[in-house]
Amino acid sequence: MSLCLLFLLWLVSIPLLAHSQPNPRGYLLNCGAGPTSESVTVGNLKYTTDEGFILVGNTSTIKQEDLVPILATLRYFPNKSARKYCYSIPVIKGGKYLVRTTYYYGNFDGGKEPPVFDQIVEGTKWSVVNTTEDYANGLSSYYEIVVHAKSKTFSVCLARNNMTGSDSSPFISALELEYLDDSVYNTTDFSKYALSTVVRSSFGTSEGDIIGFPDDKFNRLWQPQMDQNPIVRCKANVTPSDFWNVPPAKAFHNSITTSRGKQLHVKWPSWPLPSAAYYIALYFQDNRNPSPFSWRVFNVSINGKNFYSNVNVTTRGLTVYAPKWPLSGQTEIVMTPGQGVPVGPVISAGEILQVLPLGGMTLPRDVMAMNELRRNFDNPPPDWSGDPCLPEGNSWTGVTCDGGKFFRVITLNLTGAGISGSLAPNIANLTALHHIWLGGNKLLGNIPEMGSLKELQSLHLEKNQLEGSIPESLGRLPKIREIFLQDNKLEGDVPETLQNTKINIQLKNEVDSEPESPVNM
């Protein structure tokens, strides 16, 4: 769900490393800034243009005074035929990243309210972006997720859904990636799950006092959380590196507490949560001066279920966590003091992140082959970026996939799509292909060897500008039933492997005939 951010707020983040860094750790992208735009400064930090990280979309400027620079421009995506619109960002393969997307509508399209759409990360449908309520209250919105990078290129995509208006376009104002240390949220299996931020709070912090970089080295934003409980100022500093999640020391400066012998009740977050599994981390520190007597013991329960017993909190601080805890509806944390403890319970900060199952994985060899195919096309479809198969329903235009342990590309159909360029030899690595339908385009060069495509049933390359000879290996494909190669510039004799067979072969040039397209593809 969205988290609110006043659009006049100076956002905080970490400095951007140059694109040429061999192991990029972080990016701050000012979306829609334009190809010639210089970096913009937010506080003492610099955001650079998103040009070069995405090849599609239009840019717009918000005509509103006093906006933070990164909210003054945006990139939007009016192409309704595209199944998704993807950023591709160089990262460390296997690295763990915090991703933040920021949205400020600013009435850029003259509509009545912001569009609603999906966002996708690494092939998994992450969440619905709905900034309507925030925008009506003069706020921007941001979303966060912690996710594992499958390869050296990381994809963040937007996509239309059934709530996207016919006259609306998905948009984005800023995109940030921050590399996380191995210890952070390390009880989560990131090969199977991602963690989507629900709430991250510093208790007892004044409204508007958001904690971020440099206090938080990983660019996380800790929102202030106030309620009716008494606030105390902590008199000792914690050492962030003593905690696996490395929370900022400033998140412990204030805490909420209650008097001796009483339970401490905290309803947090203030909104109800959907029924799901959540990663929960709670942070505590005794607020008194360090001494042998500066400690307190209490039990923690969440929604009436014991979360942790005999929490022993000292001035050095402590965290307790659960990697997959069920929550539903309103959440209430109750801290009950131990028998005879002279002070009441205390809590300093907390995080709740929803455990999001990943949506599968496309075979890496297929991903690499499809990307090579894209690079050899001069004008691939606009949604040929990100994962070619995932999420289901948002595969690349003309690409059909089949699931299993890995998703595989089984059909390639760009009949009459006006594609120019050449056929990459790597097409032979798409060994699950059943059908290749590329007729009626402007493809040049030779037909690559396809002897490894043992599942191929039909090959349509008619009405292109292909040259050279017909590969002999085509006649040895065990399941091939039709090969259409007419209306090209092919030379030489038909290979013996394709003579006197039951394969339907079309080689004769025809006049004014339309390329055929697959049935039910």
Protein backbone atom coordinates (compact mmCIF):
# COMPACT_ATOMS: atom_id res chain seq x y z
CA MET A 1 0.00 0.00 0.00
CA SER A 2 1.08 3.57 -0.47
CA LEU A 3 2.88 5.70 2.05
CA CYS A 4 2.23 9.44 2.06
CA LEU A 5 4.81 12.15 1.54
CA LEU A 6 4.20 15.91 1.51
CA PHE A 7 5.22 17.18 -1.88
CA LEU A 8 7.12 20.07 -0.29
CA LEU A 9 9.27 17.63 1.69
CA TRP A 10 12.93 17.42 0.82
CA LEU A 11 13.27 13.73 0.10
CA VAL A 12 16.34 11.97 1.40
CA SER A 13 18.42 9.29 -0.26
CA ILE A 14 22.00 8.26 -0.95
CA PRO A 15 24.32 9.65 -3.62
CA LEU A 16 24.04 8.13 -7.07
CA LEU A 17 26.97 6.13 -8.32
CA ALA A 18 28.01 6.62 -11.93
CA HIS A 19 26.61 4.31 -14.60
CA SER A 20 30.11 3.12 -15.41
CA GLN A 21 30.64 1.59 -11.99
CA PRO A 22 31.22 -2.17 -12.44
CA ASN A 23 29.23 -2.97 -9.29
CA PRO A 24 26.50 -0.35 -9.08
CA ARG A 25 25.06 -0.07 -5.59
CA GLY A 26 22.49 2.65 -5.96
CA TYR A 27 20.58 4.85 -8.37
CA LEU A 28 18.49 7.99 -7.94
CA LEU A 29 16.47 8.62 -11.11
CA ASN A 30 14.53 11.79 -11.82
CA CYS A 31 11.88 10.45 -14.20
CA GLY A 32 10.94 12.55 -17.20
CA ALA A 33 13.79 15.02 -16.73
CA GLY A 34 14.77 14.76 -20.39
CA PRO A 35 17.96 13.75 -22.25
CA THR A 36 19.79 17.05 -21.79
CA SER A 37 18.73 17.69 -18.21
CA GLU A 38 21.39 18.20 -15.57
CA SER A 39 21.15 16.48 -12.22
CA VAL A 40 18.84 18.10 -9.69
CA THR A 41 19.73 18.64 -6.06
CA VAL A 42 17.37 17.60 -3.29
CA GLY A 43 18.90 18.70 -0.03
CA ASN A 44 22.56 17.82 -0.62
CA LEU A 45 21.78 14.84 -2.88
CA LYS A 46 21.71 14.55 -6.65
CA TYR A 47 19.18 12.81 -8.86
CA THR A 48 20.00 12.19 -12.52
CA THR A 49 17.72 11.83 -15.51
CA ASP A 50 16.13 8.46 -16.24
CA GLU A 51 17.17 8.71 -19.89
CA GLY A 52 19.12 5.61 -20.91
CA PHE A 53 17.34 3.40 -18.41
CA ILE A 54 14.09 3.25 -20.40
CA LEU A 55 13.36 3.54 -24.13
CA VAL A 56 9.63 4.28 -24.09
CA GLY A 57 7.24 6.87 -22.71
CA ASN A 58 6.74 10.62 -22.94
CA THR A 59 7.85 13.31 -20.51
CA SER A 60 5.88 16.10 -18.85
CA THR A 61 6.53 19.03 -16.54
CA ILE A 62 4.24 19.86 -13.62
CA LYS A 63 3.40 23.55 -13.62
CA GLN A 64 3.15 24.09 -9.88
CA GLU A 65 5.24 26.32 -7.66
CA ASP A 66 7.42 25.18 -4.76
CA LEU A 67 7.62 21.54 -5.85
CA VAL A 68 10.58 19.40 -4.91
CA PRO A 69 12.56 19.12 -8.19
CA ILE A 70 12.04 15.36 -8.58
CA LEU A 71 8.26 15.87 -8.40
CA ALA A 72 8.28 18.63 -11.03
CA THR A 73 8.76 16.19 -13.93
CA LEU A 74 7.37 12.77 -14.73
CA ARG A 75 7.38 10.10 -17.42
CA TYR A 76 4.07 8.77 -18.68
CA PHE A 77 3.10 5.94 -21.01
CA PRO A 78 0.21 6.57 -23.42
CA ASN A 79 0.79 3.52 -25.67
CA LYS A 80 -2.24 1.33 -24.97
CA SER A 81 -1.00 -1.64 -27.01
CA ALA A 82 2.08 -2.21 -24.86
CA ARG A 83 1.68 -4.85 -22.16
CA LYS A 84 4.16 -3.11 -19.84
CA TYR A 85 6.68 -0.26 -19.73
CA CYS A 86 10.00 -1.22 -18.17
CA TYR A 87 13.10 0.36 -16.73
CA SER A 88 16.25 -1.77 -17.13
CA ILE A 89 18.93 -0.95 -14.57
CA PRO A 90 22.45 -2.45 -14.22
CA VAL A 91 22.85 -4.12 -10.82
CA ILE A 92 24.87 -6.72 -8.97
CA LYS A 93 23.50 -10.19 -9.82
CA GLY A 94 22.20 -11.80 -6.64
CA GLY A 95 22.23 -8.48 -4.81
CA LYS A 96 19.43 -7.46 -2.46
CA TYR A 97 17.89 -4.09 -3.30
CA LEU A 98 15.49 -1.66 -1.74
CA VAL A 99 13.35 -0.22 -4.56
CA ARG A 100 11.32 2.97 -4.10
CA THR A 101 8.90 4.36 -6.68
CA THR A 102 7.49 7.85 -6.17
CA TYR A 103 4.37 9.31 -7.81
CA TYR A 104 2.99 12.83 -7.96
CA TYR A 105 0.16 13.28 -10.46
CA GLY A 106 0.08 17.07 -10.68
CA ASN A 107 -2.83 16.89 -13.14
CA PHE A 108 -0.29 16.45 -15.95
CA ASP A 109 -2.90 15.07 -18.36
CA GLY A 110 -5.72 17.44 -17.48
CA GLY A 111 -7.78 14.59 -16.03
CA LYS A 112 -10.02 14.64 -12.99
CA GLU A 113 -7.98 12.21 -10.90
CA PRO A 114 -4.77 10.15 -11.08
CA PRO A 115 -4.75 6.94 -13.12
CA VAL A 116 -4.67 3.56 -11.39
CA PHE A 117 -2.23 0.92 -12.68
CA ASP A 118 0.09 -1.94 -11.72
CA GLN A 119 3.77 -1.93 -10.89
CA ILE A 120 6.00 -4.93 -11.55
CA VAL A 121 9.44 -5.76 -10.21
CA GLU A 122 11.66 -8.51 -11.62
CA GLY A 123 8.69 -10.19 -13.32
CA THR A 124 6.46 -10.22 -10.21
CA LYS A 125 3.33 -8.09 -9.98
CA TRP A 126 4.17 -6.00 -6.96
CA SER A 127 1.16 -3.81 -6.24
CA VAL A 128 -1.56 -1.54 -7.60
CA VAL A 129 -0.59 2.12 -7.73
CA ASN A 130 -3.51 4.26 -6.61
CA THR A 131 -2.53 7.78 -5.59
CA THR A 132 -6.02 9.29 -5.71
CA GLU A 133 -6.48 9.89 -1.98
CA ASP A 134 -2.95 11.16 -1.45
CA TYR A 135 -3.19 13.58 -4.37
CA ALA A 136 -6.54 14.91 -3.15
CA ASN A 137 -4.80 15.76 0.13
CA GLY A 138 -1.89 17.53 -1.58
CA LEU A 139 0.48 14.59 -1.10
CA SER A 140 2.72 12.50 -3.27
CA SER A 141 2.90 8.72 -2.78
CA TYR A 142 5.75 6.27 -2.58
CA TYR A 143 6.03 2.49 -2.53
CA GLU A 144 8.93 0.32 -1.36
CA ILE A 145 9.95 -3.27 -1.86
CA VAL A 146 13.04 -5.34 -0.99
CA VAL A 147 13.87 -7.82 -3.74
CA HIS A 148 16.67 -10.01 -5.03
CA ALA A 149 18.26 -9.25 -8.43
CA LYS A 150 17.98 -12.28 -10.71
CA SER A 151 20.64 -11.09 -13.15
CA LYS A 152 22.91 -8.16 -13.94
CA THR A 153 19.92 -6.19 -15.23
CA PHE A 154 17.08 -5.26 -12.91
CA SER A 155 13.59 -4.45 -14.22
CA VAL A 156 10.95 -2.17 -12.73
CA CYS A 157 7.81 -1.91 -14.87
CA LEU A 158 4.42 -0.21 -14.95
CA ALA A 159 1.39 -1.77 -16.66
CA ARG A 160 -2.23 -0.99 -17.32
CA ASN A 161 -4.92 -2.96 -15.52
CA ASN A 162 -8.71 -3.11 -15.63
CA MET A 163 -8.87 0.01 -13.43
CA THR A 164 -6.79 2.14 -15.78
CA GLY A 165 -9.08 4.59 -17.54
CA SER A 166 -9.22 4.60 -21.33
CA ASP A 167 -7.95 8.18 -21.38
CA SER A 168 -5.36 7.64 -18.62
CA SER A 169 -1.66 6.82 -18.79
CA PRO A 170 0.53 5.20 -16.12
CA PHE A 171 3.23 7.59 -14.91
CA ILE A 172 6.17 7.81 -12.52
CA SER A 173 8.02 10.72 -10.87
CA ALA A 174 11.12 9.10 -9.36
CA LEU A 175 12.76 5.69 -9.10
CA GLU A 176 15.41 4.74 -6.53
CA LEU A 177 17.44 1.57 -5.96
CA GLU A 178 19.66 0.98 -2.94
CA TYR A 179 21.87 -2.05 -2.39
CA LEU A 180 21.37 -3.68 1.04
CA ASP A 181 23.93 -5.52 3.13
CA ASP A 182 23.54 -9.29 3.52
CA SER A 183 22.47 -9.00 7.16
CA VAL A 184 19.40 -6.85 6.44
CA TYR A 185 16.15 -8.88 6.58
CA ASN A 186 18.36 -11.96 6.26
CA THR A 187 15.77 -14.45 7.58
CA THR A 188 13.75 -14.05 4.35
CA ASP A 189 14.40 -16.44 1.47
CA PHE A 190 14.66 -13.88 -1.32
CA SER A 191 14.81 -16.61 -3.96
CA LYS A 192 11.12 -17.21 -3.18
CA TYR A 193 9.83 -13.97 -1.64
CA ALA A 194 10.09 -10.20 -1.72
CA LEU A 195 9.25 -7.83 1.15
CA SER A 196 6.86 -4.98 0.37
CA THR A 197 6.98 -2.16 2.91
CA VAL A 198 3.72 -1.56 4.77
CA VAL A 199 4.95 0.79 7.50
CA ARG A 200 8.26 1.83 9.03
CA SER A 201 7.95 4.06 12.08
CA SER A 202 9.86 5.84 14.81
CA PHE A 203 7.59 6.03 17.87
CA GLY A 204 7.31 9.30 19.73
CA THR A 205 8.81 11.30 16.86
CA SER A 206 7.19 14.63 16.05
CA GLU A 207 4.97 14.88 12.99
CA GLY A 208 6.94 15.83 9.89
CA ASP A 209 10.24 14.62 11.34
CA ILE A 210 10.98 11.82 8.86
CA ILE A 211 14.24 9.96 9.42
CA GLY A 212 16.24 9.05 6.32
CA PHE A 213 19.74 9.30 4.87
CA PRO A 214 22.33 9.90 6.22
CA ASP A 215 20.85 8.65 9.51
CA ASP A 216 19.70 5.50 7.72
CA LYS A 217 22.59 4.28 5.57
CA PHE A 218 20.21 2.31 3.32
CA ASN A 219 17.94 5.18 2.37
CA ARG A 220 14.93 3.86 4.29
CA LEU A 221 12.36 6.40 5.45
CA TRP A 222 11.09 6.14 9.03
CA GLN A 223 7.78 7.91 9.48
CA PRO A 224 6.84 9.58 12.81
CA GLN A 225 4.31 7.69 14.93
CA MET A 226 2.43 9.48 17.69
CA ASP A 227 -0.43 8.29 19.90
CA GLN A 228 -1.82 8.97 23.36
CA ASN A 229 1.03 7.17 25.15
CA PRO A 230 3.68 9.18 27.05
CA ILE A 231 6.88 10.05 25.16
CA VAL A 232 10.34 9.71 26.70
CA ARG A 233 13.69 10.93 25.44
CA CYS A 234 16.42 8.29 25.40
CA LYS A 235 19.63 9.30 27.15
CA ALA A 236 22.00 6.84 25.48
CA ASN A 237 22.84 6.18 21.83
CA VAL A 238 22.60 2.77 20.21
CA THR A 239 25.09 1.41 17.68
CA PRO A 240 23.22 0.58 14.45
CA SER A 241 25.72 -2.11 13.42
CA ASP A 242 24.76 -4.09 16.55
CA PHE A 243 21.44 -4.87 14.82
CA TRP A 244 21.07 -7.11 11.76
CA ASN A 245 18.75 -4.61 10.09
CA VAL A 246 21.02 -1.66 10.94
CA PRO A 247 18.27 0.76 12.05
CA PRO A 248 19.32 4.42 12.37
CA ALA A 249 20.36 5.57 15.85
CA LYS A 250 18.00 8.51 15.47
CA ALA A 251 15.01 6.12 15.41
CA PHE A 252 15.77 5.39 19.08
CA HIS A 253 16.01 9.01 20.24
CA ASN A 254 12.38 9.01 21.37
CA SER A 255 10.20 6.18 22.61
CA ILE A 256 6.69 5.69 23.97
CA THR A 257 6.09 4.07 27.32
CA THR A 258 3.59 3.74 30.16
CA SER A 259 3.75 3.78 33.93
CA ARG A 260 4.90 1.01 36.24
CA GLY A 261 2.76 -2.12 36.26
CA LYS A 262 0.63 -1.11 33.27
CA GLN A 263 0.38 -2.61 29.83
CA LEU A 264 1.52 -0.55 26.85
CA HIS A 265 -1.04 -0.70 24.02
CA VAL A 266 -0.07 0.41 20.50
CA LYS A 267 -2.44 0.25 17.53
CA TRP A 268 -0.03 0.31 14.61
CA PRO A 269 -0.39 0.87 11.76
CA SER A 270 -3.55 2.93 12.02
CA TRP A 271 -5.19 1.29 9.00
CA PRO A 272 -6.40 -2.34 8.66
CA LEU A 273 -4.15 -4.82 6.87
CA PRO A 274 -5.17 -7.47 4.34
CA SER A 275 -4.89 -11.06 5.51
CA ALA A 276 -1.34 -12.13 4.66
CA ALA A 277 2.06 -13.06 6.11
CA TYR A 278 4.25 -10.19 7.27
CA TYR A 279 7.85 -9.61 8.33
CA ILE A 280 7.71 -7.73 11.65
CA ALA A 281 10.68 -6.16 13.45
CA LEU A 282 10.27 -4.23 16.71
CA TYR A 283 13.04 -2.11 18.27
CA PHE A 284 13.42 -1.23 21.94
CA GLN A 285 15.77 0.76 24.15
CA ASP A 286 15.68 1.62 27.86
CA ASN A 287 15.51 5.41 27.91
CA ARG A 288 17.43 5.97 31.15
CA ASN A 289 21.10 6.71 31.70
CA PRO A 290 23.26 3.58 31.37
CA SER A 291 23.66 1.78 34.67
CA PRO A 292 23.34 -1.76 36.08
CA PHE A 293 19.72 -0.92 36.88
CA SER A 294 18.73 0.44 33.46
CA TRP A 295 16.79 -2.51 32.15
CA ARG A 296 13.20 -3.70 31.97
CA VAL A 297 11.51 -7.01 31.14
CA PHE A 298 8.14 -7.46 29.45
CA ASN A 299 6.18 -9.76 27.14
CA VAL A 300 5.03 -8.74 23.66
CA SER A 301 1.82 -9.96 22.03
CA ILE A 302 0.28 -9.04 18.69
CA ASN A 303 -3.49 -9.32 18.26
CA GLY A 304 -3.68 -11.47 21.38
CA LYS A 305 -1.03 -13.95 20.27
CA ASN A 306 2.30 -14.20 22.09
CA PHE A 307 5.01 -12.63 19.93
CA TYR A 308 7.97 -12.70 22.32
CA SER A 309 8.35 -13.53 26.00
CA ASN A 310 10.63 -11.93 28.57
CA VAL A 311 12.06 -9.21 26.36
CA ASN A 312 14.98 -7.81 28.37
CA VAL A 313 15.59 -4.24 27.19
CA THR A 314 18.70 -2.28 28.20
CA THR A 315 20.20 1.03 27.12
CA ARG A 316 22.10 -0.79 24.35
CA GLY A 317 18.83 -1.54 22.59
CA LEU A 318 17.21 -4.74 21.36
CA THR A 319 15.20 -6.01 18.42
CA VAL A 320 12.76 -8.90 18.14
CA TYR A 321 11.32 -10.04 14.84
CA ALA A 322 9.21 -12.63 13.05
CA PRO A 323 9.93 -13.50 9.39
CA LYS A 324 6.37 -14.63 8.52
CA TRP A 325 3.69 -13.53 10.97
CA PRO A 326 -0.02 -13.65 10.06
CA LEU A 327 -1.91 -10.36 10.31
CA SER A 328 -5.41 -9.34 9.28
CA GLY A 329 -7.39 -6.17 9.96
CA GLN A 330 -6.42 -3.76 12.73
CA THR A 331 -3.11 -4.62 14.42
CA GLU A 332 -2.59 -4.06 18.15
CA ILE A 333 0.70 -4.63 19.95
CA VAL A 334 0.43 -5.14 23.72
CA MET A 335 3.50 -5.09 25.98
CA THR A 336 2.94 -6.53 29.47
CA PRO A 337 5.52 -5.79 32.22
CA GLY A 338 7.16 -8.63 34.09
CA GLN A 339 6.39 -9.24 37.76
CA GLY A 340 8.04 -6.66 40.00
CA VAL A 341 9.65 -4.65 37.19
CA PRO A 342 9.90 -1.05 38.48
CA VAL A 343 9.22 0.67 35.12
CA GLY A 344 6.71 0.15 32.34
CA PRO A 345 7.36 -1.30 28.87
CA VAL A 346 8.84 0.88 26.15
CA ILE A 347 9.07 0.76 22.34
CA SER A 348 11.24 2.87 20.04
CA ALA A 349 10.58 1.84 16.42
CA GLY A 350 9.13 -0.85 14.20
CA GLU A 351 8.85 -2.20 10.67
CA ILE A 352 6.13 -4.24 8.99
CA LEU A 353 6.71 -5.58 5.47
CA GLN A 354 4.34 -7.89 3.62
CA VAL A 355 5.84 -11.19 2.49
CA LEU A 356 5.21 -11.32 -1.26
CA PRO A 357 5.64 -14.66 -3.07
CA LEU A 358 7.57 -14.25 -6.30
CA GLY A 359 5.70 -15.02 -9.50
CA GLY A 360 8.01 -17.63 -10.95
CA MET A 361 11.07 -17.33 -13.14
CA THR A 362 11.77 -17.46 -16.85
CA LEU A 363 14.65 -19.74 -17.83
CA PRO A 364 17.71 -17.44 -17.87
CA ARG A 365 18.86 -18.87 -21.22
CA ASP A 366 15.52 -17.89 -22.75
CA VAL A 367 15.77 -14.40 -21.27
CA MET A 368 19.26 -13.93 -22.72
CA ALA A 369 18.20 -15.24 -26.12
CA MET A 370 15.15 -12.96 -26.25
CA ASN A 371 17.24 -9.95 -25.27
CA GLU A 372 19.72 -10.75 -28.03
CA LEU A 373 16.84 -11.11 -30.48
CA ARG A 374 15.57 -7.68 -29.35
CA ARG A 375 18.98 -6.10 -29.84
CA ASN A 376 19.12 -7.42 -33.42
CA PHE A 377 15.74 -5.89 -34.26
CA ASP A 378 15.91 -2.23 -35.24
CA ASN A 379 12.40 -1.50 -33.97
CA PRO A 380 11.19 -4.13 -31.51
CA PRO A 381 7.75 -3.67 -29.90
CA PRO A 382 7.81 -1.02 -27.16
CA ASP A 383 7.19 -3.54 -24.38
CA TRP A 384 10.18 -5.72 -25.25
CA SER A 385 11.98 -4.99 -22.00
CA GLY A 386 12.02 -6.67 -18.61
CA ASP A 387 11.03 -10.33 -18.31
CA PRO A 388 9.76 -11.70 -21.67
CA CYS A 389 7.27 -14.07 -19.98
CA LEU A 390 6.34 -12.64 -16.60
CA PRO A 391 4.12 -11.73 -15.00
CA GLU A 392 1.58 -13.83 -16.82
CA GLY A 393 -0.62 -11.49 -18.80
CA ASN A 394 2.26 -9.04 -19.22
CA SER A 395 4.57 -11.01 -21.48
CA TRP A 396 6.22 -9.26 -24.42
CA THR A 397 3.99 -8.54 -27.39
CA GLY A 398 3.94 -11.57 -29.69
CA VAL A 399 5.48 -13.86 -27.06
CA THR A 400 3.65 -16.85 -25.58
CA CYS A 401 5.18 -18.78 -22.69
CA ASP A 402 4.50 -22.00 -20.84
CA GLY A 403 5.06 -22.46 -17.11
CA GLY A 404 6.73 -25.17 -15.06
CA LYS A 405 9.79 -25.02 -12.86
CA PHE A 406 10.85 -22.30 -15.28
CA PHE A 407 8.76 -20.43 -17.80
CA ARG A 408 9.75 -21.07 -21.42
CA VAL A 409 9.09 -19.17 -24.63
CA ILE A 410 6.98 -21.42 -26.89
CA THR A 411 5.66 -19.02 -29.55
CA LEU A 412 7.08 -15.97 -31.26
CA ASN A 413 4.46 -14.19 -33.39
CA LEU A 414 5.25 -10.77 -34.86
CA THR A 415 3.50 -11.34 -38.18
CA GLY A 416 3.24 -8.10 -40.14
CA ALA A 417 4.61 -6.02 -37.25
CA GLY A 418 6.97 -4.00 -39.47
CA ILE A 419 10.07 -5.38 -37.74
CA SER A 420 13.41 -4.61 -39.40
CA GLY A 421 16.89 -5.81 -38.57
CA SER A 422 18.13 -9.39 -38.53
CA LEU A 423 17.51 -12.71 -36.83
CA ALA A 424 20.00 -13.29 -34.02
CA PRO A 425 21.74 -16.70 -34.05
CA ASN A 426 20.73 -16.99 -30.38
CA ILE A 427 17.19 -17.83 -31.49
CA ALA A 428 18.54 -21.38 -31.56
CA ASN A 429 18.75 -21.25 -27.75
CA LEU A 430 14.96 -20.96 -27.43
CA THR A 431 14.70 -24.74 -27.40
CA ALA A 432 11.06 -24.85 -26.23
CA LEU A 433 9.80 -22.95 -29.28
CA HIS A 434 6.83 -24.52 -31.08
CA HIS A 435 6.11 -21.73 -33.55
CA ILE A 436 8.11 -18.90 -35.14
CA TRP A 437 5.88 -16.51 -37.07
CA LEU A 438 7.82 -13.53 -38.39
CA GLY A 439 6.29 -13.22 -41.86
CA GLY A 440 5.54 -9.89 -43.48
CA ASN A 441 8.37 -7.87 -41.94
CA LYS A 442 11.61 -6.30 -43.22
CA LEU A 443 14.17 -8.74 -41.88
CA LEU A 444 17.58 -8.84 -43.55
CA GLY A 445 20.52 -11.24 -43.47
CA ASN A 446 20.68 -15.00 -43.32
CA ILE A 447 18.37 -17.55 -41.76
CA PRO A 448 20.29 -18.76 -38.68
CA GLU A 449 20.86 -22.42 -37.88
CA MET A 450 17.94 -23.83 -35.88
CA GLY A 451 18.91 -27.46 -35.53
CA SER A 452 18.53 -27.32 -31.75
CA LEU A 453 14.81 -26.40 -31.92
CA LYS A 454 13.53 -29.96 -31.54
CA GLU A 455 10.02 -28.79 -30.55
CA LEU A 456 9.54 -26.46 -33.52
CA GLN A 457 6.41 -27.24 -35.52
CA SER A 458 6.06 -24.25 -37.84
CA LEU A 459 8.42 -21.63 -39.23
CA HIS A 460 7.02 -18.59 -41.04
CA LEU A 461 9.61 -16.19 -42.46
CA GLU A 462 7.82 -15.33 -45.71
CA LYS A 463 7.67 -11.79 -47.13
CA ASN A 464 10.95 -10.51 -45.69
CA GLN A 465 14.30 -9.65 -47.29
CA LEU A 466 16.29 -12.63 -46.09
CA GLU A 467 19.30 -13.74 -48.13
CA GLY A 468 21.65 -16.69 -48.39
CA SER A 469 20.82 -20.36 -48.39
CA ILE A 470 18.23 -22.42 -46.57
CA PRO A 471 19.82 -24.17 -43.55
CA GLU A 472 19.97 -27.92 -44.09
CA SER A 473 19.18 -28.49 -40.41
CA LEU A 474 15.56 -27.38 -40.88
CA GLY A 475 14.76 -30.69 -42.55
CA ARG A 476 16.04 -32.63 -39.56
CA LEU A 477 13.74 -31.04 -37.00
CA PRO A 478 11.62 -33.97 -35.74
CA LYS A 479 8.34 -32.05 -35.24
CA ILE A 480 8.44 -29.50 -38.07
CA ARG A 481 5.26 -29.53 -40.18
CA GLU A 482 5.41 -26.32 -42.23
CA ILE A 483 8.09 -23.95 -43.46
CA PHE A 484 7.10 -20.77 -45.30
CA LEU A 485 10.04 -18.93 -46.89
CA GLN A 486 8.53 -17.41 -50.04
CA ASP A 487 9.08 -13.78 -51.09
CA ASN A 488 12.64 -13.44 -49.82
CA LYS A 489 16.00 -13.20 -51.60
CA LEU A 490 17.19 -16.70 -50.84
CA GLU A 491 19.72 -18.41 -53.09
CA GLY A 492 20.87 -21.91 -53.84
CA ASP A 493 19.11 -25.23 -54.00
CA VAL A 494 16.60 -26.64 -51.58
CA PRO A 495 18.51 -28.89 -49.15
CA GLU A 496 18.00 -32.63 -49.68
CA THR A 497 16.65 -32.88 -46.15
CA LEU A 498 13.63 -30.82 -47.26
CA GLN A 499 12.96 -32.73 -50.47
CA ASN A 500 10.39 -35.53 -50.73
CA THR A 501 9.09 -34.95 -47.21
CA LYS A 502 5.60 -34.45 -45.80
CA ILE A 503 6.57 -30.97 -44.59
CA ASN A 504 4.47 -28.19 -46.09
CA ILE A 505 7.15 -26.04 -47.72
CA GLN A 506 6.42 -22.75 -49.45
CA LEU A 507 9.32 -21.29 -51.43
CA LYS A 508 7.76 -19.73 -54.54
CA ASN A 509 7.49 -15.98 -54.61
CA GLU A 510 3.86 -14.86 -54.64
CA VAL A 511 2.30 -11.56 -55.66
CA ASP A 512 0.01 -9.52 -53.42
CA SER A 513 -0.53 -12.29 -50.91
CA GLU A 514 -0.75 -11.57 -47.20
CA PRO A 515 1.44 -13.40 -44.69
CA GLU A 516 -0.45 -15.98 -42.71
CA SER A 517 -0.79 -15.67 -38.97
CA PRO A 518 -1.05 -18.56 -36.52
CA VAL A 519 -4.44 -19.78 -35.45
CA ASN A 520 -5.22 -19.39 -31.74
CA MET A 521 -1.79 -18.01 -30.94
